[in-house]
Amino acid sequence: MSTEDTADDRDEREDREDRRGIQSIEVGGRLLKAAAARGQPLPLKALSQAAGMSPAKAHPYLVSFCKLGLMRQDP
């Protein structure tokens, strides 16, 4: 039995390490998760802070989520 990595083992490990996602979806997902965790309407500043980003960064994501019907803005 060999303790050396086979080429297949290395390829599989590299695939797991190098998996790339779509950064904008991950950022938006943080906002959705923060909103869901609170379970109540939050002002932009509080929601963006809960998601670990600035209100200026969060706002365009929230506009898009509202357009898609994923979120709504209280009047």
PDB file of N, CA and C in Angstrom:
ATOM      1  N   MET A   1       0.852  -1.181   0.000  1.00  0.00           N
ATOM      2  CA  MET A   1       0.000   0.000   0.000  1.00  0.00           C
ATOM      3  C   MET A   1       0.889   1.234   0.000  1.00  0.00           C
ATOM      4  N   SER A   2       0.611   2.170  -0.869  1.00  0.00           N
ATOM      5  CA  SER A   2       1.437   3.360  -1.031  1.00  0.00           C
ATOM      6  C   SER A   2       0.811   4.542  -0.304  1.00  0.00           C
ATOM      7  N   THR A   3       1.656   5.381   0.275  1.00  0.00           N
ATOM      8  CA  THR A   3       1.154   6.585   0.940  1.00  0.00           C
ATOM      9  C   THR A   3       1.260   7.798   0.035  1.00  0.00           C
ATOM     10  N   GLU A   4       1.765   7.600  -1.175  1.00  0.00           N
ATOM     11  CA  GLU A   4       1.903   8.711  -2.109  1.00  0.00           C
ATOM     12  C   GLU A   4       0.553   9.027  -2.737  1.00  0.00           C
ATOM     13  N   ASP A   5       0.345  10.321  -3.007  1.00  0.00           N
ATOM     14  CA  ASP A   5      -0.863  10.745  -3.700  1.00  0.00           C
ATOM     15  C   ASP A   5      -0.816  10.271  -5.139  1.00  0.00           C
ATOM     16  N   THR A   6      -1.935   9.807  -5.615  1.00  0.00           N
ATOM     17  CA  THR A   6      -2.035   9.511  -7.036  1.00  0.00           C
ATOM     18  C   THR A   6      -2.442  10.791  -7.739  1.00  0.00           C
ATOM     19  N   ALA A   7      -2.331  10.800  -9.041  1.00  0.00           N
ATOM     20  CA  ALA A   7      -2.735  11.977  -9.814  1.00  0.00           C
ATOM     21  C   ALA A   7      -4.213  12.267  -9.598  1.00  0.00           C
ATOM     22  N   ASP A   8      -5.025  11.207  -9.513  1.00  0.00           N
ATOM     23  CA  ASP A   8      -6.459  11.403  -9.285  1.00  0.00           C
ATOM     24  C   ASP A   8      -6.725  12.033  -7.919  1.00  0.00           C
ATOM     25  N   ASP A   9      -5.988  11.610  -6.899  1.00  0.00           N
ATOM     26  CA  ASP A   9      -6.140  12.196  -5.565  1.00  0.00           C
ATOM     27  C   ASP A   9      -5.806  13.680  -5.584  1.00  0.00           C
ATOM     28  N   ARG A  10      -4.721  14.017  -6.246  1.00  0.00           N
ATOM     29  CA  ARG A  10      -4.308  15.427  -6.325  1.00  0.00           C
ATOM     30  C   ARG A  10      -5.343  16.240  -7.091  1.00  0.00           C
ATOM     31  N   ASP A  11      -5.836  15.708  -8.205  1.00  0.00           N
ATOM     32  CA  ASP A  11      -6.835  16.427  -8.997  1.00  0.00           C
ATOM     33  C   ASP A  11      -8.101  16.674  -8.185  1.00  0.00           C
ATOM     34  N   GLU A  12      -8.534  15.660  -7.456  1.00  0.00           N
ATOM     35  CA  GLU A  12      -9.745  15.806  -6.651  1.00  0.00           C
ATOM     36  C   GLU A  12      -9.554  16.857  -5.562  1.00  0.00           C
ATOM     37  N   ARG A  13      -8.419  16.841  -4.892  1.00  0.00           N
ATOM     38  CA  ARG A  13      -8.138  17.814  -3.837  1.00  0.00           C
ATOM     39  C   ARG A  13      -8.065  19.221  -4.420  1.00  0.00           C
ATOM     40  N   GLU A  14      -7.409  19.382  -5.560  1.00  0.00           N
ATOM     41  CA  GLU A  14      -7.303  20.691  -6.195  1.00  0.00           C
ATOM     42  C   GLU A  14      -8.666  21.198  -6.630  1.00  0.00           C
ATOM     43  N   ASP A  15      -9.527  20.309  -7.129  1.00  0.00           N
ATOM     44  CA  ASP A  15     -10.872  20.717  -7.521  1.00  0.00           C
ATOM     45  C   ASP A  15     -11.635  21.277  -6.331  1.00  0.00           C
ATOM     46  N   ARG A  16     -11.528  20.625  -5.181  1.00  0.00           N
ATOM     47  CA  ARG A  16     -12.224  21.116  -3.982  1.00  0.00           C
ATOM     48  C   ARG A  16     -11.667  22.460  -3.542  1.00  0.00           C
ATOM     49  N   GLU A  17     -10.351  22.619  -3.597  1.00  0.00           N
ATOM     50  CA  GLU A  17      -9.712  23.851  -3.137  1.00  0.00           C
ATOM     51  C   GLU A  17      -9.935  24.999  -4.102  1.00  0.00           C
ATOM     52  N   ASP A  18     -10.030  24.694  -5.387  1.00  0.00           N
ATOM     53  CA  ASP A  18     -10.118  25.734  -6.401  1.00  0.00           C
ATOM     54  C   ASP A  18     -11.542  26.028  -6.851  1.00  0.00           C
ATOM     55  N   ARG A  19     -12.512  25.446  -6.196  1.00  0.00           N
ATOM     56  CA  ARG A  19     -13.886  25.710  -6.626  1.00  0.00           C
ATOM     57  C   ARG A  19     -14.155  27.192  -6.521  1.00  0.00           C
ATOM     58  N   ARG A  20     -14.549  27.715  -7.625  1.00  0.00           N
ATOM     59  CA  ARG A  20     -14.850  29.140  -7.661  1.00  0.00           C
ATOM     60  C   ARG A  20     -16.348  29.317  -7.680  1.00  0.00           C
ATOM     61  N   GLY A  21     -16.791  30.266  -6.932  1.00  0.00           N
ATOM     62  CA  GLY A  21     -18.196  30.610  -6.946  1.00  0.00           C
ATOM     63  C   GLY A  21     -18.359  31.965  -7.611  1.00  0.00           C
ATOM     64  N   ILE A  22     -19.557  32.444  -7.580  1.00  0.00           N
ATOM     65  CA  ILE A  22     -19.853  33.765  -8.128  1.00  0.00           C
ATOM     66  C   ILE A  22     -19.938  34.711  -6.941  1.00  0.00           C
ATOM     67  N   GLN A  23     -18.965  35.600  -6.862  1.00  0.00           N
ATOM     68  CA  GLN A  23     -18.824  36.449  -5.685  1.00  0.00           C
ATOM     69  C   GLN A  23     -20.072  37.281  -5.423  1.00  0.00           C
ATOM     70  N   SER A  24     -20.687  37.837  -6.461  1.00  0.00           N
ATOM     71  CA  SER A  24     -21.851  38.689  -6.235  1.00  0.00           C
ATOM     72  C   SER A  24     -23.018  37.897  -5.646  1.00  0.00           C
ATOM     73  N   ILE A  25     -23.138  36.631  -6.012  1.00  0.00           N
ATOM     74  CA  ILE A  25     -24.195  35.810  -5.427  1.00  0.00           C
ATOM     75  C   ILE A  25     -23.887  35.538  -3.959  1.00  0.00           C
ATOM     76  N   GLU A  26     -22.634  35.322  -3.651  1.00  0.00           N
ATOM     77  CA  GLU A  26     -22.251  35.090  -2.259  1.00  0.00           C
ATOM     78  C   GLU A  26     -22.493  36.335  -1.411  1.00  0.00           C
ATOM     79  N   VAL A  27     -22.191  37.503  -1.947  1.00  0.00           N
ATOM     80  CA  VAL A  27     -22.428  38.763  -1.222  1.00  0.00           C
ATOM     81  C   VAL A  27     -23.927  38.959  -1.012  1.00  0.00           C
ATOM     82  N   GLY A  28     -24.704  38.794  -2.073  1.00  0.00           N
ATOM     83  CA  GLY A  28     -26.155  38.925  -1.957  1.00  0.00           C
ATOM     84  C   GLY A  28     -26.744  37.902  -1.003  1.00  0.00           C
ATOM     85  N   GLY A  29     -26.195  36.710  -1.031  1.00  0.00           N
ATOM     86  CA  GLY A  29     -26.657  35.662  -0.127  1.00  0.00           C
ATOM     87  C   GLY A  29     -26.467  36.031   1.331  1.00  0.00           C
ATOM     88  N   ARG A  30     -25.388  36.744   1.611  1.00  0.00           N
ATOM     89  CA  ARG A  30     -25.176  37.201   2.997  1.00  0.00           C
ATOM     90  C   ARG A  30     -26.306  38.128   3.438  1.00  0.00           C
ATOM     91  N   LEU A  31     -26.772  38.983   2.529  1.00  0.00           N
ATOM     92  CA  LEU A  31     -27.892  39.872   2.858  1.00  0.00           C
ATOM     93  C   LEU A  31     -29.173  39.076   3.082  1.00  0.00           C
ATOM     94  N   LEU A  32     -29.445  38.122   2.202  1.00  0.00           N
ATOM     95  CA  LEU A  32     -30.650  37.311   2.348  1.00  0.00           C
ATOM     96  C   LEU A  32     -30.628  36.521   3.653  1.00  0.00           C
ATOM     97  N   LYS A  33     -29.476  35.949   3.976  1.00  0.00           N
ATOM     98  CA  LYS A  33     -29.354  35.189   5.217  1.00  0.00           C
ATOM     99  C   LYS A  33     -29.524  36.089   6.436  1.00  0.00           C
ATOM    100  N   ALA A  34     -28.968  37.287   6.387  1.00  0.00           N
ATOM    101  CA  ALA A  34     -29.100  38.223   7.510  1.00  0.00           C
ATOM    102  C   ALA A  34     -30.557  38.627   7.696  1.00  0.00           C
ATOM    103  N   ALA A  35     -31.262  38.881   6.595  1.00  0.00           N
ATOM    104  CA  ALA A  35     -32.674  39.260   6.679  1.00  0.00           C
ATOM    105  C   ALA A  35     -33.507  38.105   7.227  1.00  0.00           C
ATOM    106  N   ALA A  36     -33.244  36.902   6.752  1.00  0.00           N
ATOM    107  CA  ALA A  36     -34.000  35.734   7.209  1.00  0.00           C
ATOM    108  C   ALA A  36     -33.743  35.450   8.689  1.00  0.00           C
ATOM    109  N   ALA A  37     -32.523  35.653   9.128  1.00  0.00           N
ATOM    110  CA  ALA A  37     -32.177  35.383  10.526  1.00  0.00           C
ATOM    111  C   ALA A  37     -32.884  36.347  11.473  1.00  0.00           C
ATOM    112  N   ARG A  38     -33.114  37.566  11.028  1.00  0.00           N
ATOM    113  CA  ARG A  38     -33.760  38.564  11.893  1.00  0.00           C
ATOM    114  C   ARG A  38     -35.268  38.369  11.903  1.00  0.00           C
ATOM    115  N   GLY A  39     -35.840  37.935  10.792  1.00  0.00           N
ATOM    116  CA  GLY A  39     -37.267  37.652  10.730  1.00  0.00           C
ATOM    117  C   GLY A  39     -38.180  38.851  10.891  1.00  0.00           C
ATOM    118  N   GLN A  40     -37.645  40.028  10.748  1.00  0.00           N
ATOM    119  CA  GLN A  40     -38.451  41.245  10.861  1.00  0.00           C
ATOM    120  C   GLN A  40     -37.832  42.310   9.970  1.00  0.00           C
ATOM    121  N   PRO A  41     -38.615  43.317   9.596  1.00  0.00           N
ATOM    122  CA  PRO A  41     -38.047  44.382   8.765  1.00  0.00           C
ATOM    123  C   PRO A  41     -36.896  45.088   9.481  1.00  0.00           C
ATOM    124  N   LEU A  42     -35.878  45.398   8.726  1.00  0.00           N
ATOM    125  CA  LEU A  42     -34.712  46.105   9.261  1.00  0.00           C
ATOM    126  C   LEU A  42     -34.394  47.301   8.383  1.00  0.00           C
ATOM    127  N   PRO A  43     -33.936  48.390   8.976  1.00  0.00           N
ATOM    128  CA  PRO A  43     -33.447  49.506   8.163  1.00  0.00           C
ATOM    129  C   PRO A  43     -32.192  49.073   7.400  1.00  0.00           C
ATOM    130  N   LEU A  44     -31.919  49.753   6.319  1.00  0.00           N
ATOM    131  CA  LEU A  44     -30.765  49.440   5.476  1.00  0.00           C
ATOM    132  C   LEU A  44     -29.486  49.343   6.291  1.00  0.00           C
ATOM    133  N   LYS A  45     -29.253  50.306   7.161  1.00  0.00           N
ATOM    134  CA  LYS A  45     -28.008  50.318   7.932  1.00  0.00           C
ATOM    135  C   LYS A  45     -27.880  49.070   8.808  1.00  0.00           C
ATOM    136  N   ALA A  46     -28.952  48.687   9.465  1.00  0.00           N
ATOM    137  CA  ALA A  46     -28.914  47.514  10.345  1.00  0.00           C
ATOM    138  C   ALA A  46     -28.739  46.224   9.547  1.00  0.00           C
ATOM    139  N   LEU A  47     -29.431  46.115   8.418  1.00  0.00           N
ATOM    140  CA  LEU A  47     -29.324  44.913   7.596  1.00  0.00           C
ATOM    141  C   LEU A  47     -27.931  44.778   6.998  1.00  0.00           C
ATOM    142  N   SER A  48     -27.412  45.874   6.473  1.00  0.00           N
ATOM    143  CA  SER A  48     -26.074  45.814   5.879  1.00  0.00           C
ATOM    144  C   SER A  48     -25.025  45.494   6.946  1.00  0.00           C
ATOM    145  N   GLN A  49     -25.192  46.058   8.121  1.00  0.00           N
ATOM    146  CA  GLN A  49     -24.255  45.776   9.212  1.00  0.00           C
ATOM    147  C   GLN A  49     -24.324  44.299   9.614  1.00  0.00           C
ATOM    148  N   ALA A  50     -25.532  43.747   9.671  1.00  0.00           N
ATOM    149  CA  ALA A  50     -25.697  42.333  10.020  1.00  0.00           C
ATOM    150  C   ALA A  50     -25.051  41.420   8.979  1.00  0.00           C
ATOM    151  N   ALA A  51     -24.994  41.890   7.729  1.00  0.00           N
ATOM    152  CA  ALA A  51     -24.386  41.108   6.647  1.00  0.00           C
ATOM    153  C   ALA A  51     -22.900  41.405   6.490  1.00  0.00           C
ATOM    154  N   GLY A  52     -22.380  42.337   7.289  1.00  0.00           N
ATOM    155  CA  GLY A  52     -20.952  42.638   7.254  1.00  0.00           C
ATOM    156  C   GLY A  52     -20.517  43.473   6.073  1.00  0.00           C
ATOM    157  N   MET A  53     -21.361  44.426   5.667  1.00  0.00           N
ATOM    158  CA  MET A  53     -20.989  45.296   4.543  1.00  0.00           C
ATOM    159  C   MET A  53     -21.558  46.688   4.760  1.00  0.00           C
ATOM    160  N   SER A  54     -21.133  47.614   3.937  1.00  0.00           N
ATOM    161  CA  SER A  54     -21.613  48.992   4.047  1.00  0.00           C
ATOM    162  C   SER A  54     -23.002  49.114   3.423  1.00  0.00           C
ATOM    163  N   PRO A  55     -23.774  50.117   3.864  1.00  0.00           N
ATOM    164  CA  PRO A  55     -25.070  50.359   3.232  1.00  0.00           C
ATOM    165  C   PRO A  55     -24.939  50.637   1.733  1.00  0.00           C
ATOM    166  N   ALA A  56     -23.882  51.335   1.338  1.00  0.00           N
ATOM    167  CA  ALA A  56     -23.685  51.640  -0.088  1.00  0.00           C
ATOM    168  C   ALA A  56     -23.476  50.372  -0.910  1.00  0.00           C
ATOM    169  N   LYS A  57     -22.835  49.389  -0.341  1.00  0.00           N
ATOM    170  CA  LYS A  57     -22.630  48.121  -1.054  1.00  0.00           C
ATOM    171  C   LYS A  57     -23.919  47.299  -1.066  1.00  0.00           C
ATOM    172  N   ALA A  58     -24.657  47.321   0.035  1.00  0.00           N
ATOM    173  CA  ALA A  58     -25.867  46.510   0.160  1.00  0.00           C
ATOM    174  C   ALA A  58     -27.016  47.029  -0.698  1.00  0.00           C
ATOM    175  N   HIS A  59     -27.124  48.332  -0.853  1.00  0.00           N
ATOM    176  CA  HIS A  59     -28.292  48.927  -1.506  1.00  0.00           C
ATOM    177  C   HIS A  59     -28.580  48.373  -2.898  1.00  0.00           C
ATOM    178  N   PRO A  60     -27.606  48.311  -3.816  1.00  0.00           N
ATOM    179  CA  PRO A  60     -27.930  47.779  -5.152  1.00  0.00           C
ATOM    180  C   PRO A  60     -28.419  46.325  -5.118  1.00  0.00           C
ATOM    181  N   TYR A  61     -27.890  45.542  -4.217  1.00  0.00           N
ATOM    182  CA  TYR A  61     -28.362  44.157  -4.088  1.00  0.00           C
ATOM    183  C   TYR A  61     -29.822  44.149  -3.648  1.00  0.00           C
ATOM    184  N   LEU A  62     -30.146  44.993  -2.679  1.00  0.00           N
ATOM    185  CA  LEU A  62     -31.513  45.040  -2.166  1.00  0.00           C
ATOM    186  C   LEU A  62     -32.488  45.529  -3.226  1.00  0.00           C
ATOM    187  N   VAL A  63     -32.071  46.489  -4.033  1.00  0.00           N
ATOM    188  CA  VAL A  63     -32.920  46.960  -5.139  1.00  0.00           C
ATOM    189  C   VAL A  63     -33.230  45.795  -6.076  1.00  0.00           C
ATOM    190  N   SER A  64     -32.206  45.031  -6.435  1.00  0.00           N
ATOM    191  CA  SER A  64     -32.410  43.883  -7.323  1.00  0.00           C
ATOM    192  C   SER A  64     -33.291  42.824  -6.678  1.00  0.00           C
ATOM    193  N   PHE A  65     -33.090  42.548  -5.398  1.00  0.00           N
ATOM    194  CA  PHE A  65     -33.924  41.565  -4.713  1.00  0.00           C
ATOM    195  C   PHE A  65     -35.386  42.005  -4.701  1.00  0.00           C
ATOM    196  N   CYS A  66     -35.628  43.303  -4.531  1.00  0.00           N
ATOM    197  CA  CYS A  66     -37.000  43.814  -4.570  1.00  0.00           C
ATOM    198  C   CYS A  66     -37.594  43.650  -5.968  1.00  0.00           C
ATOM    199  N   LYS A  67     -36.818  43.946  -6.998  1.00  0.00           N
ATOM    200  CA  LYS A  67     -37.294  43.779  -8.376  1.00  0.00           C
ATOM    201  C   LYS A  67     -37.660  42.331  -8.673  1.00  0.00           C
ATOM    202  N   LEU A  68     -36.916  41.394  -8.085  1.00  0.00           N
ATOM    203  CA  LEU A  68     -37.160  39.967  -8.300  1.00  0.00           C
ATOM    204  C   LEU A  68     -38.241  39.397  -7.385  1.00  0.00           C
ATOM    205  N   GLY A  69     -38.709  40.203  -6.445  1.00  0.00           N
ATOM    206  CA  GLY A  69     -39.723  39.739  -5.512  1.00  0.00           C
ATOM    207  C   GLY A  69     -39.164  38.908  -4.364  1.00  0.00           C
ATOM    208  N   LEU A  70     -37.849  38.938  -4.173  1.00  0.00           N
ATOM    209  CA  LEU A  70     -37.233  38.186  -3.077  1.00  0.00           C
ATOM    210  C   LEU A  70     -37.312  38.939  -1.757  1.00  0.00           C
ATOM    211  N   MET A  71     -37.430  40.252  -1.849  1.00  0.00           N
ATOM    212  CA  MET A  71     -37.561  41.107  -0.668  1.00  0.00           C
ATOM    213  C   MET A  71     -38.543  42.208  -1.028  1.00  0.00           C
ATOM    214  N   ARG A  72     -38.999  42.872  -0.006  1.00  0.00           N
ATOM    215  CA  ARG A  72     -39.824  44.052  -0.263  1.00  0.00           C
ATOM    216  C   ARG A  72     -39.442  45.136   0.727  1.00  0.00           C
ATOM    217  N   GLN A  73     -39.651  46.363   0.291  1.00  0.00           N
ATOM    218  CA  GLN A  73     -39.325  47.509   1.132  1.00  0.00           C
ATOM    219  C   GLN A  73     -40.597  48.001   1.791  1.00  0.00           C
ATOM    220  N   ASP A  74     -40.545  48.143   3.103  1.00  0.00           N
ATOM    221  CA  ASP A  74     -41.695  48.710   3.800  1.00  0.00           C
ATOM    222  C   ASP A  74     -41.785  50.187   3.459  1.00  0.00           C
ATOM    223  N   PRO A  75     -43.012  50.646   3.234  1.00  0.00           N
ATOM    224  CA  PRO A  75     -43.176  52.082   2.902  1.00  0.00           C
ATOM    225  C   PRO A  75     -42.819  52.995   4.052  1.00  0.00           C
TER     226      PRO A  75
END
